[in-house]
């Protein structure tokens, strides 16, 4: 699947978390003082993927989708090391910041989670000004 800066599940961010729970299969919910998170499986790009959605207040403010073999971000293969993904995105005019846990696309509320020096998931969040509303 070719992920982009647009959320992989259009219209999910900003909606009640129950919408995410209804879309996912094998749902498991975790509640804490910081909010609620649902984990499950969702078929995207013809592949069953592990997904998680979280809330800020009563709205879904974050979605993470695990990546699988062959996935890309704006055409860049995610099977590369994070620094290589960053360089290839830069070559396409997409600026990012990189630390040991995440590769974040500058100017967009999207990032790639890094685990053991591999891109493990792509996440989208509501822009800060929408979370504050």
N, C-alpha and C. Protein backbone atom coordinates (compact mmCIF):
# COMPACT_ATOMS: atom_id res chain seq x y z
N UNK A 1 0.85 -1.17 0.00
CA UNK A 1 0.00 0.00 0.00
C UNK A 1 0.90 1.23 0.00
N UNK A 2 0.50 2.23 -0.75
CA UNK A 2 1.24 3.49 -0.76
C UNK A 2 0.55 4.47 0.18
N UNK A 3 1.13 4.64 1.37
CA UNK A 3 0.60 5.60 2.33
C UNK A 3 0.98 7.01 1.90
N UNK A 4 0.19 7.98 2.33
CA UNK A 4 0.45 9.38 2.00
C UNK A 4 0.22 10.22 3.27
N UNK A 5 0.26 11.52 3.10
CA UNK A 5 0.00 12.40 4.24
C UNK A 5 -1.48 12.40 4.62
N UNK A 6 -2.33 11.87 3.77
CA UNK A 6 -3.76 11.76 4.08
C UNK A 6 -4.00 10.48 4.88
N UNK A 7 -4.83 10.57 5.90
CA UNK A 7 -5.13 9.43 6.75
C UNK A 7 -5.60 8.23 5.92
N UNK A 8 -5.09 7.04 6.26
CA UNK A 8 -5.43 5.81 5.53
C UNK A 8 -6.90 5.42 5.68
N UNK A 9 -7.57 5.97 6.68
CA UNK A 9 -9.00 5.73 6.88
C UNK A 9 -9.68 7.10 6.84
N UNK A 10 -10.05 7.55 5.64
CA UNK A 10 -10.62 8.89 5.49
C UNK A 10 -11.83 9.12 6.40
N UNK A 11 -11.85 10.29 7.01
CA UNK A 11 -12.98 10.68 7.85
C UNK A 11 -12.96 10.13 9.26
N UNK A 12 -11.97 9.31 9.62
CA UNK A 12 -11.95 8.72 10.96
C UNK A 12 -11.50 9.72 12.03
N UNK A 13 -10.45 10.48 11.74
CA UNK A 13 -9.95 11.43 12.72
C UNK A 13 -11.01 12.51 12.98
N UNK A 14 -11.22 12.79 14.24
CA UNK A 14 -12.23 13.77 14.64
C UNK A 14 -13.58 13.14 14.98
N UNK A 15 -13.76 11.87 14.62
CA UNK A 15 -15.01 11.17 14.90
C UNK A 15 -14.94 10.49 16.27
N UNK A 16 -16.09 10.09 16.83
CA UNK A 16 -16.07 9.34 18.09
C UNK A 16 -15.28 8.04 17.92
N UNK A 17 -14.61 7.61 18.98
CA UNK A 17 -13.80 6.39 18.94
C UNK A 17 -14.63 5.16 18.60
N UNK A 18 -15.90 5.20 18.89
CA UNK A 18 -16.78 4.07 18.58
C UNK A 18 -16.81 3.78 17.08
N UNK A 19 -16.61 4.80 16.25
CA UNK A 19 -16.56 4.57 14.80
C UNK A 19 -15.37 3.70 14.44
N UNK A 20 -14.21 3.98 15.05
CA UNK A 20 -13.03 3.15 14.81
C UNK A 20 -13.29 1.73 15.29
N UNK A 21 -13.85 1.59 16.48
CA UNK A 21 -14.13 0.27 17.03
C UNK A 21 -15.06 -0.53 16.12
N UNK A 22 -16.00 0.16 15.48
CA UNK A 22 -16.93 -0.52 14.58
C UNK A 22 -16.25 -0.97 13.29
N UNK A 23 -15.21 -0.28 12.88
CA UNK A 23 -14.49 -0.64 11.65
C UNK A 23 -13.49 -1.77 11.87
N UNK A 24 -12.92 -1.85 13.05
CA UNK A 24 -11.87 -2.83 13.35
C UNK A 24 -12.49 -4.17 13.74
N UNK A 25 -11.75 -5.23 13.48
CA UNK A 25 -12.16 -6.55 13.99
C UNK A 25 -11.21 -6.95 15.12
N UNK A 26 -11.67 -7.84 15.99
CA UNK A 26 -10.84 -8.27 17.11
C UNK A 26 -10.49 -7.13 18.04
N UNK A 27 -11.45 -6.26 18.31
CA UNK A 27 -11.21 -5.02 19.04
C UNK A 27 -10.90 -5.28 20.51
N UNK A 28 -9.91 -4.54 20.97
CA UNK A 28 -9.53 -4.54 22.38
C UNK A 28 -9.40 -3.07 22.78
N UNK A 29 -10.04 -2.68 23.88
CA UNK A 29 -10.01 -1.27 24.31
C UNK A 29 -9.21 -1.13 25.60
N UNK A 30 -8.43 -0.06 25.64
CA UNK A 30 -7.66 0.28 26.84
C UNK A 30 -8.04 1.70 27.23
N UNK A 31 -8.42 1.88 28.49
CA UNK A 31 -8.75 3.21 29.00
C UNK A 31 -7.75 3.59 30.07
N UNK A 32 -7.39 4.85 30.09
CA UNK A 32 -6.49 5.37 31.12
C UNK A 32 -6.89 6.80 31.43
N UNK A 33 -6.15 7.42 32.33
CA UNK A 33 -6.43 8.82 32.67
C UNK A 33 -6.18 9.75 31.48
N UNK A 34 -5.45 9.27 30.47
CA UNK A 34 -5.10 10.10 29.31
C UNK A 34 -6.10 9.96 28.17
N UNK A 35 -6.95 8.97 28.21
CA UNK A 35 -7.92 8.78 27.15
C UNK A 35 -8.16 7.30 26.88
N UNK A 36 -8.75 7.02 25.74
CA UNK A 36 -9.07 5.65 25.37
C UNK A 36 -8.35 5.29 24.07
N UNK A 37 -8.00 4.01 23.95
CA UNK A 37 -7.37 3.49 22.74
C UNK A 37 -8.05 2.18 22.37
N UNK A 38 -8.34 2.00 21.09
CA UNK A 38 -8.82 0.71 20.62
C UNK A 38 -7.77 0.13 19.68
N UNK A 39 -7.53 -1.16 19.83
CA UNK A 39 -6.61 -1.91 18.97
C UNK A 39 -7.44 -2.94 18.23
N UNK A 40 -7.02 -3.27 17.03
CA UNK A 40 -7.72 -4.30 16.28
C UNK A 40 -7.03 -4.55 14.96
N UNK A 41 -7.81 -5.13 14.05
CA UNK A 41 -7.33 -5.44 12.71
C UNK A 41 -8.26 -4.78 11.71
N UNK A 42 -7.67 -4.28 10.63
CA UNK A 42 -8.45 -3.64 9.57
C UNK A 42 -7.80 -4.00 8.24
N UNK A 43 -8.61 -4.32 7.25
CA UNK A 43 -8.08 -4.63 5.93
C UNK A 43 -7.90 -3.32 5.16
N UNK A 44 -6.65 -3.04 4.81
CA UNK A 44 -6.30 -1.86 4.02
C UNK A 44 -5.35 -2.30 2.92
N UNK A 45 -5.61 -1.86 1.71
CA UNK A 45 -4.75 -2.25 0.60
C UNK A 45 -4.73 -3.76 0.39
N UNK A 46 -5.84 -4.43 0.73
CA UNK A 46 -5.95 -5.87 0.56
C UNK A 46 -5.21 -6.69 1.60
N UNK A 47 -4.71 -6.05 2.65
CA UNK A 47 -3.93 -6.74 3.69
C UNK A 47 -4.57 -6.47 5.06
N UNK A 48 -4.71 -7.53 5.86
CA UNK A 48 -5.16 -7.34 7.24
C UNK A 48 -4.01 -6.74 8.04
N UNK A 49 -4.26 -5.59 8.66
CA UNK A 49 -3.22 -4.87 9.36
C UNK A 49 -3.62 -4.60 10.81
N UNK A 50 -2.63 -4.61 11.69
CA UNK A 50 -2.86 -4.21 13.06
C UNK A 50 -3.01 -2.69 13.08
N UNK A 51 -4.01 -2.21 13.79
CA UNK A 51 -4.29 -0.78 13.85
C UNK A 51 -4.60 -0.39 15.30
N UNK A 52 -4.39 0.89 15.59
CA UNK A 52 -4.76 1.44 16.89
C UNK A 52 -5.26 2.86 16.68
N UNK A 53 -6.31 3.21 17.40
CA UNK A 53 -6.85 4.57 17.34
C UNK A 53 -7.02 5.05 18.78
N UNK A 54 -6.70 6.32 19.01
CA UNK A 54 -6.78 6.90 20.35
C UNK A 54 -7.60 8.18 20.34
N UNK A 55 -8.02 8.58 21.54
CA UNK A 55 -8.83 9.78 21.67
C UNK A 55 -8.09 10.89 22.40
N UNK A 56 -8.52 12.09 22.09
CA UNK A 56 -8.27 13.26 22.91
C UNK A 56 -9.67 13.80 23.18
N UNK A 57 -10.05 13.83 24.43
CA UNK A 57 -11.44 14.17 24.73
C UNK A 57 -12.32 13.03 24.24
N UNK A 58 -13.34 13.35 23.47
CA UNK A 58 -14.24 12.30 22.98
C UNK A 58 -14.07 12.03 21.49
N UNK A 59 -13.03 12.59 20.88
CA UNK A 59 -12.83 12.42 19.43
C UNK A 59 -11.57 11.61 19.14
N UNK A 60 -11.61 10.84 18.07
CA UNK A 60 -10.44 10.10 17.63
C UNK A 60 -9.41 11.10 17.14
N UNK A 61 -8.24 11.09 17.77
CA UNK A 61 -7.22 12.08 17.43
C UNK A 61 -5.95 11.47 16.87
N UNK A 62 -5.88 10.12 16.84
CA UNK A 62 -4.65 9.45 16.41
C UNK A 62 -4.99 8.09 15.83
N UNK A 63 -4.34 7.75 14.72
CA UNK A 63 -4.49 6.43 14.10
C UNK A 63 -3.11 5.92 13.72
N UNK A 64 -2.79 4.69 14.10
CA UNK A 64 -1.54 4.05 13.71
C UNK A 64 -1.87 2.77 12.95
N UNK A 65 -1.18 2.56 11.82
CA UNK A 65 -1.35 1.37 11.00
C UNK A 65 0.00 0.71 10.84
N UNK A 66 0.09 -0.58 11.19
CA UNK A 66 1.34 -1.31 11.00
C UNK A 66 1.63 -1.48 9.51
N UNK A 67 2.91 -1.44 9.16
CA UNK A 67 3.30 -1.63 7.76
C UNK A 67 3.66 -3.08 7.52
N UNK A 68 3.55 -3.49 6.27
CA UNK A 68 3.90 -4.84 5.85
C UNK A 68 4.84 -4.75 4.65
N UNK A 69 5.39 -5.89 4.27
CA UNK A 69 6.32 -5.95 3.14
C UNK A 69 5.69 -5.31 1.90
N UNK A 70 6.46 -4.49 1.23
CA UNK A 70 6.00 -3.85 0.00
C UNK A 70 5.34 -2.50 0.19
N UNK A 71 5.08 -2.10 1.43
CA UNK A 71 4.45 -0.81 1.67
C UNK A 71 5.39 0.33 1.33
N UNK A 72 4.79 1.45 0.92
CA UNK A 72 5.54 2.65 0.57
C UNK A 72 4.88 3.85 1.22
N UNK A 73 5.63 4.94 1.26
CA UNK A 73 5.09 6.22 1.70
C UNK A 73 5.41 7.22 0.59
N UNK A 74 4.38 7.74 -0.06
CA UNK A 74 4.55 8.66 -1.19
C UNK A 74 5.53 8.06 -2.20
N UNK A 75 5.42 6.76 -2.42
CA UNK A 75 6.24 6.07 -3.41
C UNK A 75 7.58 5.57 -2.91
N UNK A 76 7.96 5.91 -1.69
CA UNK A 76 9.25 5.50 -1.13
C UNK A 76 9.08 4.18 -0.36
N UNK A 77 9.82 3.13 -0.72
CA UNK A 77 9.71 1.85 -0.01
C UNK A 77 10.07 1.99 1.47
N UNK A 78 9.18 1.50 2.33
CA UNK A 78 9.41 1.59 3.76
C UNK A 78 10.31 0.47 4.29
N UNK A 79 10.71 -0.45 3.42
CA UNK A 79 11.60 -1.54 3.81
C UNK A 79 13.04 -1.07 3.97
N UNK A 80 13.32 0.19 3.67
CA UNK A 80 14.65 0.77 3.86
C UNK A 80 14.86 1.15 5.32
N UNK A 81 16.11 1.48 5.68
CA UNK A 81 16.37 2.02 7.02
C UNK A 81 15.69 3.38 7.12
N UNK A 82 15.37 3.82 8.33
CA UNK A 82 14.72 5.12 8.48
C UNK A 82 15.52 6.27 7.85
N UNK A 83 16.85 6.27 7.97
CA UNK A 83 17.64 7.35 7.38
C UNK A 83 17.54 7.31 5.86
N UNK A 84 17.48 6.11 5.28
CA UNK A 84 17.34 5.98 3.83
C UNK A 84 15.95 6.46 3.39
N UNK A 85 14.91 6.09 4.16
CA UNK A 85 13.56 6.59 3.85
C UNK A 85 13.56 8.11 3.88
N UNK A 86 14.20 8.68 4.90
CA UNK A 86 14.26 10.14 5.01
C UNK A 86 14.94 10.75 3.77
N UNK A 87 16.05 10.18 3.36
CA UNK A 87 16.78 10.71 2.19
C UNK A 87 15.96 10.59 0.92
N UNK A 88 15.28 9.46 0.74
CA UNK A 88 14.46 9.27 -0.46
C UNK A 88 13.26 10.23 -0.47
N UNK A 89 12.67 10.46 0.70
CA UNK A 89 11.59 11.44 0.78
C UNK A 89 12.11 12.84 0.46
N UNK A 90 13.28 13.16 0.99
CA UNK A 90 13.91 14.46 0.70
C UNK A 90 14.12 14.63 -0.81
N UNK A 91 14.56 13.58 -1.47
CA UNK A 91 14.76 13.62 -2.92
C UNK A 91 13.46 13.91 -3.66
N UNK A 92 12.32 13.59 -3.04
CA UNK A 92 11.00 13.84 -3.64
C UNK A 92 10.41 15.17 -3.16
N UNK A 93 11.21 15.94 -2.40
CA UNK A 93 10.75 17.24 -1.93
C UNK A 93 9.92 17.17 -0.66
N UNK A 94 9.97 16.06 0.04
CA UNK A 94 9.21 15.89 1.28
C UNK A 94 10.19 15.97 2.44
N UNK A 95 10.05 17.03 3.24
CA UNK A 95 10.96 17.25 4.36
C UNK A 95 10.45 16.51 5.60
N UNK A 96 11.39 15.94 6.35
CA UNK A 96 11.05 15.20 7.56
C UNK A 96 12.05 15.50 8.66
N UNK A 97 11.66 15.17 9.87
CA UNK A 97 12.59 15.16 11.00
C UNK A 97 12.68 13.71 11.47
N UNK A 98 13.85 13.35 11.98
CA UNK A 98 14.09 11.96 12.37
C UNK A 98 14.75 11.91 13.74
N UNK A 99 14.19 11.06 14.61
CA UNK A 99 14.88 10.73 15.85
C UNK A 99 14.88 9.21 15.97
N UNK A 100 15.24 8.68 17.10
CA UNK A 100 15.34 7.23 17.21
C UNK A 100 14.00 6.51 17.29
N UNK A 101 12.90 7.27 17.41
CA UNK A 101 11.58 6.65 17.53
C UNK A 101 10.61 6.98 16.40
N UNK A 102 10.86 8.08 15.69
CA UNK A 102 9.86 8.50 14.71
C UNK A 102 10.47 9.36 13.61
N UNK A 103 9.93 9.17 12.42
CA UNK A 103 10.24 10.00 11.25
C UNK A 103 8.97 10.80 10.99
N UNK A 104 9.02 12.12 11.17
CA UNK A 104 7.84 12.98 11.09
C UNK A 104 7.91 13.83 9.83
N UNK A 105 6.80 13.90 9.10
CA UNK A 105 6.72 14.73 7.91
C UNK A 105 6.45 16.16 8.34
N UNK A 106 7.36 17.06 7.97
CA UNK A 106 7.25 18.47 8.35
C UNK A 106 6.01 19.09 7.69
N UNK A 107 5.23 19.79 8.51
CA UNK A 107 4.04 20.49 7.99
C UNK A 107 2.81 19.62 7.85
N UNK A 108 2.90 18.36 8.26
CA UNK A 108 1.75 17.44 8.19
C UNK A 108 1.68 16.64 9.49
N UNK A 109 0.49 16.36 9.97
CA UNK A 109 0.37 15.57 11.20
C UNK A 109 0.47 14.07 10.90
N UNK A 110 1.60 13.67 10.33
CA UNK A 110 1.82 12.26 9.98
C UNK A 110 3.26 11.90 10.29
N UNK A 111 3.44 10.68 10.76
CA UNK A 111 4.78 10.22 11.06
C UNK A 111 4.89 8.72 10.87
N UNK A 112 6.11 8.24 10.92
CA UNK A 112 6.38 6.81 10.80
C UNK A 112 7.09 6.35 12.06
N UNK A 113 6.49 5.40 12.74
CA UNK A 113 7.03 4.85 13.98
C UNK A 113 8.21 3.94 13.66
N UNK A 114 9.30 4.09 14.41
CA UNK A 114 10.51 3.29 14.19
C UNK A 114 10.70 2.34 15.36
N UNK A 115 10.94 1.07 15.04
CA UNK A 115 11.24 0.07 16.05
C UNK A 115 12.39 -0.78 15.54
N UNK A 116 13.45 -0.88 16.33
CA UNK A 116 14.65 -1.64 15.97
C UNK A 116 15.17 -1.25 14.58
N UNK A 117 15.27 0.07 14.35
CA UNK A 117 15.81 0.66 13.13
C UNK A 117 15.05 0.27 11.86
N UNK A 118 13.76 0.04 12.02
CA UNK A 118 12.89 -0.23 10.87
C UNK A 118 11.61 0.59 11.03
N UNK A 119 11.05 1.03 9.91
CA UNK A 119 9.74 1.69 9.96
C UNK A 119 8.72 0.60 10.24
N UNK A 120 8.00 0.76 11.34
CA UNK A 120 7.08 -0.27 11.82
C UNK A 120 5.62 0.10 11.61
N UNK A 121 5.33 1.40 11.54
CA UNK A 121 3.95 1.84 11.39
C UNK A 121 3.88 3.27 10.88
N UNK A 122 2.74 3.61 10.31
CA UNK A 122 2.48 4.98 9.87
C UNK A 122 1.33 5.49 10.72
N UNK A 123 1.46 6.73 11.21
CA UNK A 123 0.43 7.28 12.07
C UNK A 123 0.02 8.68 11.61
N UNK A 124 -1.23 8.96 11.83
CA UNK A 124 -1.81 10.26 11.51
C UNK A 124 -2.46 10.79 12.77
N UNK A 125 -2.46 12.09 12.94
CA UNK A 125 -3.14 12.69 14.09
C UNK A 125 -3.87 13.94 13.64
N UNK A 126 -4.81 14.35 14.47
CA UNK A 126 -5.48 15.62 14.21
C UNK A 126 -4.45 16.73 14.36
N UNK A 127 -4.52 17.75 13.53
CA UNK A 127 -3.64 18.91 13.74
C UNK A 127 -3.88 19.48 15.13
N UNK A 128 -2.83 20.04 15.73
CA UNK A 128 -2.92 20.57 17.10
C UNK A 128 -4.09 21.52 17.31
N UNK A 129 -4.36 22.38 16.34
CA UNK A 129 -5.45 23.33 16.52
C UNK A 129 -6.80 22.63 16.57
N UNK A 130 -6.96 21.47 15.91
CA UNK A 130 -8.22 20.74 15.98
C UNK A 130 -8.35 19.99 17.28
N UNK A 131 -7.22 19.52 17.85
CA UNK A 131 -7.27 18.82 19.13
C UNK A 131 -7.70 19.78 20.23
N UNK A 132 -7.25 21.03 20.14
CA UNK A 132 -7.54 22.03 21.17
C UNK A 132 -9.02 22.45 21.20
N UNK A 133 -9.73 22.25 20.09
CA UNK A 133 -11.13 22.68 20.01
C UNK A 133 -12.03 21.93 20.96
